[in-house]
Amino acid sequence: MTINLTPTQLLAGLGVVLLLLIVWRSGARKAKAAKGAAQASARLLSLTGRVLVTAGGIVGVQWLVITHPGNTTLLLVVLGLPALFASYTLTRALTVTGVDGPRRRGDR
């Protein structure tokens, strides 16, 4: 059994294979982009949950100390310590440490 292919048929076959390869790679890129978007939203949701739980814990401890007065030092520590953490975090978040210029291909 011999297969006789004309040059036109051979080029058409190679074109179909090339087209399938391009479609497959673009599908893989779209899947990777969708995966990255899903991970980013999951990270945001996880961060939001952790922030809410931590804030609830701080508020709970502060509420306990405020509703049971008697120790002024403990009251100042319970109210001041979260304020210090918050001010440190805000200062770090709002401080510009460098200027980001255009990146070259080899930069990390």
PDB file of N, CA and C in Angstrom:
ATOM      1  N   MET A   1       0.832  -1.170   0.000  1.00  0.00           N
ATOM      2  CA  MET A   1       0.000   0.000   0.000  1.00  0.00           C
ATOM      3  C   MET A   1       0.888   1.249   0.000  1.00  0.00           C
ATOM      4  N   THR A   2       0.738   2.055  -0.978  1.00  0.00           N
ATOM      5  CA  THR A   2       1.512   3.279  -1.113  1.00  0.00           C
ATOM      6  C   THR A   2       0.589   4.488  -1.027  1.00  0.00           C
ATOM      7  N   ILE A   3       1.123   5.516  -0.439  1.00  0.00           N
ATOM      8  CA  ILE A   3       0.356   6.752  -0.314  1.00  0.00           C
ATOM      9  C   ILE A   3       0.976   7.763  -1.269  1.00  0.00           C
ATOM     10  N   ASN A   4       0.164   8.260  -2.129  1.00  0.00           N
ATOM     11  CA  ASN A   4       0.628   9.268  -3.086  1.00  0.00           C
ATOM     12  C   ASN A   4       0.016  10.609  -2.696  1.00  0.00           C
ATOM     13  N   LEU A   5       0.873  11.517  -2.249  1.00  0.00           N
ATOM     14  CA  LEU A   5       0.420  12.843  -1.865  1.00  0.00           C
ATOM     15  C   LEU A   5       1.039  13.882  -2.777  1.00  0.00           C
ATOM     16  N   THR A   6       0.214  14.822  -3.168  1.00  0.00           N
ATOM     17  CA  THR A   6       0.732  15.928  -3.961  1.00  0.00           C
ATOM     18  C   THR A   6       1.332  16.955  -3.011  1.00  0.00           C
ATOM     19  N   PRO A   7       2.181  17.807  -3.515  1.00  0.00           N
ATOM     20  CA  PRO A   7       2.742  18.854  -2.643  1.00  0.00           C
ATOM     21  C   PRO A   7       1.659  19.742  -2.017  1.00  0.00           C
ATOM     22  N   THR A   8       0.562  19.962  -2.727  1.00  0.00           N
ATOM     23  CA  THR A   8      -0.521  20.772  -2.184  1.00  0.00           C
ATOM     24  C   THR A   8      -1.170  20.067  -0.999  1.00  0.00           C
ATOM     25  N   GLN A   9      -1.394  18.783  -1.105  1.00  0.00           N
ATOM     26  CA  GLN A   9      -1.986  18.021   0.002  1.00  0.00           C
ATOM     27  C   GLN A   9      -1.044  17.986   1.204  1.00  0.00           C
ATOM     28  N   LEU A  10       0.232  17.840   0.944  1.00  0.00           N
ATOM     29  CA  LEU A  10       1.217  17.829   2.023  1.00  0.00           C
ATOM     30  C   LEU A  10       1.255  19.179   2.756  1.00  0.00           C
ATOM     31  N   LEU A  11       1.245  20.268   2.007  1.00  0.00           N
ATOM     32  CA  LEU A  11       1.230  21.594   2.626  1.00  0.00           C
ATOM     33  C   LEU A  11      -0.075  21.841   3.392  1.00  0.00           C
ATOM     34  N   ALA A  12      -1.189  21.368   2.849  1.00  0.00           N
ATOM     35  CA  ALA A  12      -2.469  21.524   3.541  1.00  0.00           C
ATOM     36  C   ALA A  12      -2.455  20.738   4.850  1.00  0.00           C
ATOM     37  N   GLY A  13      -1.903  19.545   4.853  1.00  0.00           N
ATOM     38  CA  GLY A  13      -1.803  18.739   6.070  1.00  0.00           C
ATOM     39  C   GLY A  13      -0.923  19.401   7.108  1.00  0.00           C
ATOM     40  N   LEU A  14       0.217  19.940   6.682  1.00  0.00           N
ATOM     41  CA  LEU A  14       1.100  20.649   7.610  1.00  0.00           C
ATOM     42  C   LEU A  14       0.415  21.911   8.153  1.00  0.00           C
ATOM     43  N   GLY A  15      -0.364  22.589   7.312  1.00  0.00           N
ATOM     44  CA  GLY A  15      -1.100  23.769   7.770  1.00  0.00           C
ATOM     45  C   GLY A  15      -2.123  23.422   8.833  1.00  0.00           C
ATOM     46  N   VAL A  16      -2.816  22.298   8.654  1.00  0.00           N
ATOM     47  CA  VAL A  16      -3.801  21.856   9.642  1.00  0.00           C
ATOM     48  C   VAL A  16      -3.115  21.515  10.957  1.00  0.00           C
ATOM     49  N   VAL A  17      -1.984  20.825  10.899  1.00  0.00           N
ATOM     50  CA  VAL A  17      -1.253  20.479  12.110  1.00  0.00           C
ATOM     51  C   VAL A  17      -0.769  21.751  12.814  1.00  0.00           C
ATOM     52  N   LEU A  18      -0.270  22.710  12.045  1.00  0.00           N
ATOM     53  CA  LEU A  18       0.186  23.970  12.623  1.00  0.00           C
ATOM     54  C   LEU A  18      -0.975  24.736  13.256  1.00  0.00           C
ATOM     55  N   LEU A  19      -2.116  24.756  12.600  1.00  0.00           N
ATOM     56  CA  LEU A  19      -3.299  25.427  13.139  1.00  0.00           C
ATOM     57  C   LEU A  19      -3.752  24.779  14.444  1.00  0.00           C
ATOM     58  N   LEU A  20      -3.755  23.452  14.505  1.00  0.00           N
ATOM     59  CA  LEU A  20      -4.130  22.754  15.732  1.00  0.00           C
ATOM     60  C   LEU A  20      -3.158  23.075  16.869  1.00  0.00           C
ATOM     61  N   LEU A  21      -1.889  23.158  16.554  1.00  0.00           N
ATOM     62  CA  LEU A  21      -0.888  23.501  17.563  1.00  0.00           C
ATOM     63  C   LEU A  21      -1.114  24.912  18.108  1.00  0.00           C
ATOM     64  N   ILE A  22      -1.405  25.856  17.221  1.00  0.00           N
ATOM     65  CA  ILE A  22      -1.645  27.239  17.652  1.00  0.00           C
ATOM     66  C   ILE A  22      -2.894  27.323  18.522  1.00  0.00           C
ATOM     67  N   VAL A  23      -3.955  26.641  18.132  1.00  0.00           N
ATOM     68  CA  VAL A  23      -5.189  26.651  18.920  1.00  0.00           C
ATOM     69  C   VAL A  23      -4.957  26.017  20.285  1.00  0.00           C
ATOM     70  N   TRP A  24      -4.203  24.935  20.336  1.00  0.00           N
ATOM     71  CA  TRP A  24      -3.923  24.260  21.603  1.00  0.00           C
ATOM     72  C   TRP A  24      -3.129  25.160  22.535  1.00  0.00           C
ATOM     73  N   ARG A  25      -2.101  25.845  21.997  1.00  0.00           N
ATOM     74  CA  ARG A  25      -1.280  26.723  22.841  1.00  0.00           C
ATOM     75  C   ARG A  25      -2.059  27.928  23.339  1.00  0.00           C
ATOM     76  N   SER A  26      -2.927  28.487  22.500  1.00  0.00           N
ATOM     77  CA  SER A  26      -3.712  29.631  22.953  1.00  0.00           C
ATOM     78  C   SER A  26      -4.704  29.208  24.023  1.00  0.00           C
ATOM     79  N   GLY A  27      -5.239  28.002  23.908  1.00  0.00           N
ATOM     80  CA  GLY A  27      -6.126  27.485  24.957  1.00  0.00           C
ATOM     81  C   GLY A  27      -5.389  27.305  26.265  1.00  0.00           C
ATOM     82  N   ALA A  28      -4.151  26.845  26.191  1.00  0.00           N
ATOM     83  CA  ALA A  28      -3.344  26.675  27.401  1.00  0.00           C
ATOM     84  C   ALA A  28      -3.041  28.028  28.043  1.00  0.00           C
ATOM     85  N   ARG A  29      -2.784  29.049  27.218  1.00  0.00           N
ATOM     86  CA  ARG A  29      -2.524  30.389  27.764  1.00  0.00           C
ATOM     87  C   ARG A  29      -3.767  30.953  28.449  1.00  0.00           C
ATOM     88  N   LYS A  30      -4.922  30.757  27.816  1.00  0.00           N
ATOM     89  CA  LYS A  30      -6.167  31.251  28.419  1.00  0.00           C
ATOM     90  C   LYS A  30      -6.452  30.529  29.730  1.00  0.00           C
ATOM     91  N   ALA A  31      -6.182  29.238  29.770  1.00  0.00           N
ATOM     92  CA  ALA A  31      -6.397  28.480  31.007  1.00  0.00           C
ATOM     93  C   ALA A  31      -5.453  28.965  32.105  1.00  0.00           C
ATOM     94  N   LYS A  32      -4.213  29.277  31.737  1.00  0.00           N
ATOM     95  CA  LYS A  32      -3.256  29.775  32.716  1.00  0.00           C
ATOM     96  C   LYS A  32      -3.677  31.144  33.242  1.00  0.00           C
ATOM     97  N   ALA A  33      -4.185  32.008  32.358  1.00  0.00           N
ATOM     98  CA  ALA A  33      -4.652  33.326  32.786  1.00  0.00           C
ATOM     99  C   ALA A  33      -5.866  33.204  33.702  1.00  0.00           C
ATOM    100  N   ALA A  34      -6.776  32.287  33.378  1.00  0.00           N
ATOM    101  CA  ALA A  34      -7.954  32.088  34.231  1.00  0.00           C
ATOM    102  C   ALA A  34      -7.546  31.550  35.599  1.00  0.00           C
ATOM    103  N   LYS A  35      -6.558  30.663  35.607  1.00  0.00           N
ATOM    104  CA  LYS A  35      -6.069  30.118  36.875  1.00  0.00           C
ATOM    105  C   LYS A  35      -5.453  31.224  37.733  1.00  0.00           C
ATOM    106  N   GLY A  36      -4.677  32.116  37.107  1.00  0.00           N
ATOM    107  CA  GLY A  36      -4.073  33.228  37.845  1.00  0.00           C
ATOM    108  C   GLY A  36      -5.124  34.167  38.418  1.00  0.00           C
ATOM    109  N   ALA A  37      -6.178  34.438  37.647  1.00  0.00           N
ATOM    110  CA  ALA A  37      -7.248  35.308  38.144  1.00  0.00           C
ATOM    111  C   ALA A  37      -7.977  34.663  39.310  1.00  0.00           C
ATOM    112  N   ALA A  38      -8.220  33.360  39.217  1.00  0.00           N
ATOM    113  CA  ALA A  38      -8.905  32.660  40.309  1.00  0.00           C
ATOM    114  C   ALA A  38      -8.044  32.651  41.572  1.00  0.00           C
ATOM    115  N   GLN A  39      -6.743  32.454  41.406  1.00  0.00           N
ATOM    116  CA  GLN A  39      -5.861  32.463  42.570  1.00  0.00           C
ATOM    117  C   GLN A  39      -5.797  33.844  43.215  1.00  0.00           C
ATOM    118  N   ALA A  40      -5.799  34.889  42.403  1.00  0.00           N
ATOM    119  CA  ALA A  40      -5.753  36.247  42.946  1.00  0.00           C
ATOM    120  C   ALA A  40      -7.014  36.554  43.748  1.00  0.00           C
ATOM    121  N   SER A  41      -8.173  36.142  43.240  1.00  0.00           N
ATOM    122  CA  SER A  41      -9.405  36.406  43.982  1.00  0.00           C
ATOM    123  C   SER A  41      -9.468  35.566  45.255  1.00  0.00           C
ATOM    124  N   ALA A  42      -8.956  34.337  45.205  1.00  0.00           N
ATOM    125  CA  ALA A  42      -8.935  33.500  46.406  1.00  0.00           C
ATOM    126  C   ALA A  42      -7.993  34.081  47.452  1.00  0.00           C
ATOM    127  N   ARG A  43      -6.859  34.626  46.995  1.00  0.00           N
ATOM    128  CA  ARG A  43      -5.921  35.266  47.923  1.00  0.00           C
ATOM    129  C   ARG A  43      -6.563  36.466  48.599  1.00  0.00           C
ATOM    130  N   LEU A  44      -7.310  37.260  47.826  1.00  0.00           N
ATOM    131  CA  LEU A  44      -7.966  38.431  48.395  1.00  0.00           C
ATOM    132  C   LEU A  44      -9.013  38.023  49.418  1.00  0.00           C
ATOM    133  N   LEU A  45      -9.772  36.994  49.098  1.00  0.00           N
ATOM    134  CA  LEU A  45     -10.801  36.518  50.028  1.00  0.00           C
ATOM    135  C   LEU A  45     -10.164  35.968  51.302  1.00  0.00           C
ATOM    136  N   SER A  46      -9.070  35.234  51.159  1.00  0.00           N
ATOM    137  CA  SER A  46      -8.370  34.685  52.316  1.00  0.00           C
ATOM    138  C   SER A  46      -7.805  35.802  53.185  1.00  0.00           C
ATOM    139  N   LEU A  47      -7.226  36.811  52.554  1.00  0.00           N
ATOM    140  CA  LEU A  47      -6.680  37.942  53.299  1.00  0.00           C
ATOM    141  C   LEU A  47      -7.789  38.687  54.038  1.00  0.00           C
ATOM    142  N   THR A  48      -8.919  38.878  53.382  1.00  0.00           N
ATOM    143  CA  THR A  48     -10.049  39.554  54.018  1.00  0.00           C
ATOM    144  C   THR A  48     -10.519  38.785  55.241  1.00  0.00           C
ATOM    145  N   GLY A  49     -10.606  37.472  55.131  1.00  0.00           N
ATOM    146  CA  GLY A  49     -11.019  36.649  56.265  1.00  0.00           C
ATOM    147  C   GLY A  49     -10.057  36.751  57.432  1.00  0.00           C
ATOM    148  N   ARG A  50      -8.763  36.711  57.141  1.00  0.00           N
ATOM    149  CA  ARG A  50      -7.772  36.817  58.211  1.00  0.00           C
ATOM    150  C   ARG A  50      -7.817  38.181  58.885  1.00  0.00           C
ATOM    151  N   VAL A  51      -8.006  39.240  58.095  1.00  0.00           N
ATOM    152  CA  VAL A  51      -8.100  40.583  58.665  1.00  0.00           C
ATOM    153  C   VAL A  51      -9.316  40.684  59.581  1.00  0.00           C
ATOM    154  N   LEU A  52     -10.450  40.160  59.137  1.00  0.00           N
ATOM    155  CA  LEU A  52     -11.667  40.231  59.955  1.00  0.00           C
ATOM    156  C   LEU A  52     -11.539  39.435  61.248  1.00  0.00           C
ATOM    157  N   VAL A  53     -10.939  38.247  61.178  1.00  0.00           N
ATOM    158  CA  VAL A  53     -10.761  37.435  62.390  1.00  0.00           C
ATOM    159  C   VAL A  53      -9.809  38.123  63.365  1.00  0.00           C
ATOM    160  N   THR A  54      -8.715  38.662  62.853  1.00  0.00           N
ATOM    161  CA  THR A  54      -7.765  39.359  63.721  1.00  0.00           C
ATOM    162  C   THR A  54      -8.403  40.599  64.350  1.00  0.00           C
ATOM    163  N   ALA A  55      -9.136  41.366  63.547  1.00  0.00           N
ATOM    164  CA  ALA A  55      -9.806  42.553  64.086  1.00  0.00           C
ATOM    165  C   ALA A  55     -10.834  42.155  65.140  1.00  0.00           C
ATOM    166  N   GLY A  56     -11.550  41.065  64.903  1.00  0.00           N
ATOM    167  CA  GLY A  56     -12.516  40.587  65.896  1.00  0.00           C
ATOM    168  C   GLY A  56     -11.844  40.195  67.199  1.00  0.00           C
ATOM    169  N   GLY A  57     -10.684  39.544  67.104  1.00  0.00           N
ATOM    170  CA  GLY A  57      -9.942  39.179  68.312  1.00  0.00           C
ATOM    171  C   GLY A  57      -9.474  40.398  69.084  1.00  0.00           C
ATOM    172  N   ILE A  58      -8.950  41.394  68.378  1.00  0.00           N
ATOM    173  CA  ILE A  58      -8.483  42.616  69.042  1.00  0.00           C
ATOM    174  C   ILE A  58      -9.649  43.335  69.710  1.00  0.00           C
ATOM    175  N   VAL A  59     -10.751  43.461  68.984  1.00  0.00           N
ATOM    176  CA  VAL A  59     -11.922  44.145  69.553  1.00  0.00           C
ATOM    177  C   VAL A  59     -12.453  43.377  70.760  1.00  0.00           C
ATOM    178  N   GLY A  60     -12.446  42.049  70.692  1.00  0.00           N
ATOM    179  CA  GLY A  60     -12.919  41.242  71.821  1.00  0.00           C
ATOM    180  C   GLY A  60     -12.092  41.451  73.071  1.00  0.00           C
ATOM    181  N   VAL A  61     -10.775  41.453  72.928  1.00  0.00           N
ATOM    182  CA  VAL A  61      -9.897  41.663  74.082  1.00  0.00           C
ATOM    183  C   VAL A  61     -10.072  43.081  74.618  1.00  0.00           C
ATOM    184  N   GLN A  62     -10.150  44.060  73.711  1.00  0.00           N
ATOM    185  CA  GLN A  62     -10.358  45.432  74.165  1.00  0.00           C
ATOM    186  C   GLN A  62     -11.690  45.575  74.900  1.00  0.00           C
ATOM    187  N   TRP A  63     -12.720  44.943  74.401  1.00  0.00           N
ATOM    188  CA  TRP A  63     -14.039  45.011  75.050  1.00  0.00           C
ATOM    189  C   TRP A  63     -13.990  44.411  76.459  1.00  0.00           C
ATOM    190  N   LEU A  64     -13.291  43.273  76.584  1.00  0.00           N
ATOM    191  CA  LEU A  64     -13.163  42.659  77.912  1.00  0.00           C
ATOM    192  C   LEU A  64     -12.462  43.589  78.895  1.00  0.00           C
ATOM    193  N   VAL A  65     -11.374  44.204  78.466  1.00  0.00           N
ATOM    194  CA  VAL A  65     -10.608  45.068  79.368  1.00  0.00           C
ATOM    195  C   VAL A  65     -11.390  46.337  79.697  1.00  0.00           C
ATOM    196  N   ILE A  66     -12.089  46.896  78.729  1.00  0.00           N
ATOM    197  CA  ILE A  66     -12.829  48.132  78.981  1.00  0.00           C
ATOM    198  C   ILE A  66     -14.040  47.877  79.882  1.00  0.00           C
ATOM    199  N   THR A  67     -14.722  46.744  79.689  1.00  0.00           N
ATOM    200  CA  THR A  67     -15.919  46.469  80.503  1.00  0.00           C
ATOM    201  C   THR A  67     -15.577  46.017  81.921  1.00  0.00           C
ATOM    202  N   HIS A  68     -14.336  45.627  82.171  1.00  0.00           N
ATOM    203  CA  HIS A  68     -13.898  45.235  83.514  1.00  0.00           C
ATOM    204  C   HIS A  68     -12.774  46.175  83.941  1.00  0.00           C
ATOM    205  N   PRO A  69     -13.123  47.416  84.332  1.00  0.00           N
ATOM    206  CA  PRO A  69     -12.085  48.414  84.650  1.00  0.00           C
ATOM    207  C   PRO A  69     -11.371  48.081  85.952  1.00  0.00           C
ATOM    208  N   GLY A  70     -10.254  48.726  86.138  1.00  0.00           N
ATOM    209  CA  GLY A  70      -9.526  48.554  87.386  1.00  0.00           C
ATOM    210  C   GLY A  70      -8.035  48.678  87.184  1.00  0.00           C
ATOM    211  N   ASN A  71      -7.502  48.272  86.050  1.00  0.00           N
ATOM    212  CA  ASN A  71      -6.070  48.319  85.817  1.00  0.00           C
ATOM    213  C   ASN A  71      -5.817  49.280  84.647  1.00  0.00           C
ATOM    214  N   THR A  72      -5.341  50.466  84.952  1.00  0.00           N
ATOM    215  CA  THR A  72      -5.124  51.491  83.926  1.00  0.00           C
ATOM    216  C   THR A  72      -4.002  51.109  82.973  1.00  0.00           C
ATOM    217  N   THR A  73      -2.938  50.479  83.493  1.00  0.00           N
ATOM    218  CA  THR A  73      -1.825  50.066  82.638  1.00  0.00           C
ATOM    219  C   THR A  73      -2.288  49.044  81.607  1.00  0.00           C
ATOM    220  N   LEU A  74      -3.068  48.065  82.043  1.00  0.00           N
ATOM    221  CA  LEU A  74      -3.585  47.061  81.116  1.00  0.00           C
ATOM    222  C   LEU A  74      -4.469  47.712  80.058  1.00  0.00           C
ATOM    223  N   LEU A  75      -5.286  48.669  80.458  1.00  0.00           N
ATOM    224  CA  LEU A  75      -6.153  49.379  79.513  1.00  0.00           C
ATOM    225  C   LEU A  75      -5.329  50.123  78.467  1.00  0.00           C
ATOM    226  N   LEU A  76      -4.273  50.804  78.879  1.00  0.00           N
ATOM    227  CA  LEU A  76      -3.422  51.528  77.934  1.00  0.00           C
ATOM    228  C   LEU A  76      -2.697  50.582  76.972  1.00  0.00           C
ATOM    229  N   VAL A  77      -2.236  49.455  77.506  1.00  0.00           N
ATOM    230  CA  VAL A  77      -1.550  48.483  76.647  1.00  0.00           C
ATOM    231  C   VAL A  77      -2.513  47.904  75.621  1.00  0.00           C
ATOM    232  N   VAL A  78      -3.715  47.535  76.068  1.00  0.00           N
ATOM    233  CA  VAL A  78      -4.687  46.909  75.175  1.00  0.00           C
ATOM    234  C   VAL A  78      -5.157  47.878  74.097  1.00  0.00           C
ATOM    235  N   LEU A  79      -5.247  49.158  74.421  1.00  0.00           N
ATOM    236  CA  LEU A  79      -5.655  50.137  73.419  1.00  0.00           C
ATOM    237  C   LEU A  79      -4.476  50.641  72.589  1.00  0.00           C
ATOM    238  N   GLY A  80      -3.287  50.703  73.171  1.00  0.00           N
ATOM    239  CA  GLY A  80      -2.128  51.261  72.476  1.00  0.00           C
ATOM    240  C   GLY A  80      -1.419  50.303  71.553  1.00  0.00           C
ATOM    241  N   LEU A  81      -1.329  49.032  71.927  1.00  0.00           N
ATOM    242  CA  LEU A  81      -0.595  48.060  71.118  1.00  0.00           C
ATOM    243  C   LEU A  81      -1.200  47.886  69.722  1.00  0.00           C
ATOM    244  N   PRO A  82      -2.504  47.686  69.580  1.00  0.00           N
ATOM    245  CA  PRO A  82      -3.061  47.607  68.225  1.00  0.00           C
ATOM    246  C   PRO A  82      -2.872  48.904  67.433  1.00  0.00           C
ATOM    247  N   ALA A  83      -2.888  50.041  68.117  1.00  0.00           N
ATOM    248  CA  ALA A  83      -2.659  51.311  67.432  1.00  0.00           C
ATOM    249  C   ALA A  83      -1.230  51.373  66.891  1.00  0.00           C
ATOM    250  N   LEU A  84      -0.268  50.853  67.645  1.00  0.00           N
ATOM    251  CA  LEU A  84       1.120  50.819  67.158  1.00  0.00           C
ATOM    252  C   LEU A  84       1.260  49.925  65.937  1.00  0.00           C
ATOM    253  N   PHE A  85       0.650  48.742  65.976  1.00  0.00           N
ATOM    254  CA  PHE A  85       0.698  47.837  64.822  1.00  0.00           C
ATOM    255  C   PHE A  85       0.038  48.462  63.599  1.00  0.00           C
ATOM    256  N   ALA A  86      -1.094  49.109  63.807  1.00  0.00           N
ATOM    257  CA  ALA A  86      -1.798  49.744  62.694  1.00  0.00           C
ATOM    258  C   ALA A  86      -0.984  50.891  62.112  1.00  0.00           C
ATOM    259  N   SER A  87      -0.388  51.700  62.963  1.00  0.00           N
ATOM    260  CA  SER A  87       0.402  52.825  62.457  1.00  0.00           C
ATOM    261  C   SER A  87       1.649  52.335  61.721  1.00  0.00           C
ATOM    262  N   TYR A  88       2.281  51.277  62.208  1.00  0.00           N
ATOM    263  CA  TYR A  88       3.445  50.708  61.524  1.00  0.00           C
ATOM    264  C   TYR A  88       3.052  50.193  60.147  1.00  0.00           C
ATOM    265  N   THR A  89       1.932  49.470  60.079  1.00  0.00           N
ATOM    266  CA  THR A  89       1.479  48.903  58.807  1.00  0.00           C
ATOM    267  C   THR A  89       1.118  50.007  57.824  1.00  0.00           C
ATOM    268  N   LEU A  90       0.403  51.009  58.278  1.00  0.00           N
ATOM    269  CA  LEU A  90       0.038  52.117  57.386  1.00  0.00           C
ATOM    270  C   LEU A  90       1.262  52.898  56.921  1.00  0.00           C
ATOM    271  N   THR A  91       2.207  53.101  57.810  1.00  0.00           N
ATOM    272  CA  THR A  91       3.417  53.822  57.427  1.00  0.00           C
ATOM    273  C   THR A  91       4.185  53.053  56.363  1.00  0.00           C
ATOM    274  N   ARG A  92       4.316  51.739  56.527  1.00  0.00           N
ATOM    275  CA  ARG A  92       5.008  50.915  55.527  1.00  0.00           C
ATOM    276  C   ARG A  92       4.273  50.907  54.202  1.00  0.00           C
ATOM    277  N   ALA A  93       2.939  50.849  54.264  1.00  0.00           N
ATOM    278  CA  ALA A  93       2.141  50.781  53.036  1.00  0.00           C
ATOM    279  C   ALA A  93       2.162  52.099  52.272  1.00  0.00           C
ATOM    280  N   LEU A  94       2.251  53.209  52.975  1.00  0.00           N
ATOM    281  CA  LEU A  94       2.155  54.510  52.322  1.00  0.00           C
ATOM    282  C   LEU A  94       3.505  55.162  52.049  1.00  0.00           C
ATOM    283  N   THR A  95       4.593  54.524  52.449  1.00  0.00           N
ATOM    284  CA  THR A  95       5.915  55.076  52.224  1.00  0.00           C
ATOM    285  C   THR A  95       6.443  54.609  50.877  1.00  0.00           C
ATOM    286  N   VAL A  96       6.887  55.559  50.062  1.00  0.00           N
ATOM    287  CA  VAL A  96       7.483  55.227  48.770  1.00  0.00           C
ATOM    288  C   VAL A  96       8.972  55.025  49.006  1.00  0.00           C
ATOM    289  N   THR A  97       9.457  53.809  48.698  1.00  0.00           N
ATOM    290  CA  THR A  97      10.866  53.510  48.959  1.00  0.00           C
ATOM    291  C   THR A  97      11.724  53.589  47.716  1.00  0.00           C
ATOM    292  N   GLY A  98      11.134  53.609  46.547  1.00  0.00           N
ATOM    293  CA  GLY A  98      11.910  53.678  45.327  1.00  0.00           C
ATOM    294  C   GLY A  98      11.011  54.034  44.171  1.00  0.00           C
ATOM    295  N   VAL A  99      11.653  54.429  43.079  1.00  0.00           N
ATOM    296  CA  VAL A  99      10.897  54.777  41.884  1.00  0.00           C
ATOM    297  C   VAL A  99      11.015  53.608  40.920  1.00  0.00           C
ATOM    298  N   ASP A 100       9.872  53.087  40.509  1.00  0.00           N
ATOM    299  CA  ASP A 100       9.867  51.991  39.555  1.00  0.00           C
ATOM    300  C   ASP A 100       9.837  52.567  38.154  1.00  0.00           C
ATOM    301  N   GLY A 101      10.897  52.362  37.443  1.00  0.00           N
ATOM    302  CA  GLY A 101      10.962  52.825  36.060  1.00  0.00           C
ATOM    303  C   GLY A 101      10.648  51.672  35.119  1.00  0.00           C
ATOM    304  N   PRO A 102      10.815  51.907  33.850  1.00  0.00           N
ATOM    305  CA  PRO A 102      10.583  50.811  32.905  1.00  0.00           C
ATOM    306  C   PRO A 102      11.604  49.705  33.129  1.00  0.00           C
ATOM    307  N   ARG A 103      11.127  48.478  33.087  1.00  0.00           N
ATOM    308  CA  ARG A 103      12.004  47.344  33.345  1.00  0.00           C
ATOM    309  C   ARG A 103      12.539  46.782  32.037  1.00  0.00           C
ATOM    310  N   ARG A 104      13.778  46.368  32.094  1.00  0.00           N
ATOM    311  CA  ARG A 104      14.345  45.705  30.942  1.00  0.00           C
ATOM    312  C   ARG A 104      14.059  44.223  31.027  1.00  0.00           C
ATOM    313  N   ARG A 105      14.332  43.536  29.978  1.00  0.00           N
ATOM    314  CA  ARG A 105      13.974  42.127  29.886  1.00  0.00           C
ATOM    315  C   ARG A 105      14.672  41.273  30.937  1.00  0.00           C
ATOM    316  N   GLY A 106      15.920  41.574  31.268  1.00  0.00           N
ATOM    317  CA  GLY A 106      16.681  40.744  32.201  1.00  0.00           C
ATOM    318  C   GLY A 106      16.479  41.099  33.671  1.00  0.00           C
ATOM    319  N   ASP A 107      15.766  42.201  33.958  1.00  0.00           N
ATOM    320  CA  ASP A 107      15.568  42.628  35.341  1.00  0.00           C
ATOM    321  C   ASP A 107      14.603  41.704  36.051  1.00  0.00           C
ATOM    322  N   ARG A 108      14.798  41.601  37.355  1.00  0.00           N
ATOM    323  CA  ARG A 108      13.871  40.790  38.152  1.00  0.00           C
ATOM    324  C   ARG A 108      13.112  41.674  39.097  1.00  0.00           C
TER     325      ARG A 108
END
